[in-house]
Protein backbone atom coordinates (compact mmCIF):
# COMPACT_ATOMS: atom_id res chain seq x y z
CA MET A 1 40.91 -103.36 -21.74
CA LYS A 2 37.59 -101.68 -22.38
CA GLN A 3 38.50 -98.79 -19.98
CA GLU A 4 41.78 -98.26 -21.83
CA GLU A 5 40.06 -98.22 -25.27
CA ARG A 6 37.45 -95.77 -23.93
CA GLU A 7 40.16 -93.43 -22.50
CA GLN A 8 42.17 -93.51 -25.82
CA ARG A 9 38.90 -92.70 -27.73
CA GLU A 10 38.22 -89.75 -25.57
CA LEU A 11 41.79 -88.50 -25.95
CA LYS A 12 41.69 -88.82 -29.63
CA LEU A 13 38.54 -86.65 -29.87
CA GLU A 14 40.55 -83.78 -28.59
CA PHE A 15 42.63 -83.90 -31.73
CA LEU A 16 39.81 -84.52 -34.29
CA SER A 17 40.01 -81.92 -37.06
CA ARG A 18 37.08 -83.01 -39.15
CA ILE A 19 35.04 -85.90 -40.56
CA GLU A 20 34.89 -86.65 -44.23
CA GLU A 21 33.52 -89.34 -46.60
CA CYS A 22 35.77 -92.50 -46.66
CA PRO A 23 36.99 -93.20 -50.21
CA HIS A 24 36.80 -96.95 -49.30
CA CYS A 25 33.37 -97.46 -47.80
CA ASN A 26 31.75 -94.10 -48.86
CA GLU A 27 30.41 -93.49 -45.36
CA THR A 28 30.92 -90.11 -43.73
CA GLU A 29 32.93 -91.77 -40.90
CA LEU A 30 36.52 -90.75 -41.98
CA ASN A 31 38.04 -89.00 -38.87
CA ILE A 32 41.00 -86.81 -39.58
CA TYR A 33 43.16 -86.25 -36.57
CA HIS A 34 45.94 -83.59 -36.19
CA PHE A 35 47.92 -84.72 -33.08
CA THR A 36 51.07 -82.71 -33.54
CA SER A 37 52.55 -80.51 -36.16
CA GLU A 38 54.13 -83.69 -37.71
CA LEU A 39 51.54 -86.36 -36.96
CA PHE A 40 48.29 -86.65 -38.85
CA ARG A 41 45.99 -89.68 -38.96
CA TYR A 42 43.08 -90.64 -41.25
CA GLU A 43 40.89 -93.24 -39.67
CA CYS A 44 37.50 -94.62 -40.84
CA GLN A 45 35.12 -95.48 -37.95
CA ASN A 46 32.94 -97.72 -40.38
CA CYS A 47 35.48 -99.87 -42.28
CA GLY A 48 38.55 -99.42 -40.16
CA ILE A 49 41.01 -98.24 -42.84
CA TYR A 50 43.65 -95.92 -41.64
CA GLY A 51 46.92 -94.03 -42.53
CA ASN A 52 49.46 -91.89 -40.59
CA GLY A 53 51.80 -89.19 -41.99
CA VAL A 54 53.88 -86.19 -41.12
CA ASN A 55 51.21 -83.99 -43.04
CA GLU A 56 47.71 -84.60 -44.31
CA ALA A 57 48.73 -85.49 -47.77
CA GLU A 58 51.16 -88.20 -46.61
CA ALA A 59 48.44 -89.61 -44.22
CA TYR A 60 45.96 -89.69 -46.91
CA GLN A 61 48.42 -91.54 -49.32
CA ALA A 62 49.13 -93.93 -46.46
CA MET A 63 45.38 -94.56 -46.13
CA LEU A 64 44.98 -95.20 -49.70
CA LEU A 65 47.93 -97.78 -49.71
CA ALA A 66 46.22 -99.39 -46.62
CA ILE A 67 43.06 -99.87 -48.66
CA GLU A 68 44.93 -102.05 -51.04
CA GLU A 69 46.54 -104.03 -48.16
CA GLY A 70 43.22 -104.31 -46.24
CA PHE A 71 44.50 -102.70 -42.97
CA ASP A 72 41.90 -102.23 -40.27
CA TRP A 73 42.82 -100.09 -37.26
CA ARG A 74 40.24 -101.98 -35.15
CA LYS A 75 42.20 -105.21 -35.60
CA ASN A 76 45.56 -103.70 -34.95
CA GLN A 77 45.01 -101.39 -32.09
CA ILE A 78 48.05 -99.07 -32.18
CA ALA A 79 48.39 -96.56 -29.36
CA LEU A 80 49.18 -93.01 -30.53
């Protein structure tokens, strides 16, 4: 499984748009990915919070809702 995780991480880096401060943990570990014209993802590498959407605003809102729910992408490995 480690090899698969490493390959997915490398693939995701190709789609990394920028890194910002996470509104949940306040660390500059919030990766913003732009995979396709209709798939954006916010994903904090520190606290694990994440959100997906068809645009950046929707992905950001999904992430804010995930903070309330306590979602952690590291515990729920979802392939993109």
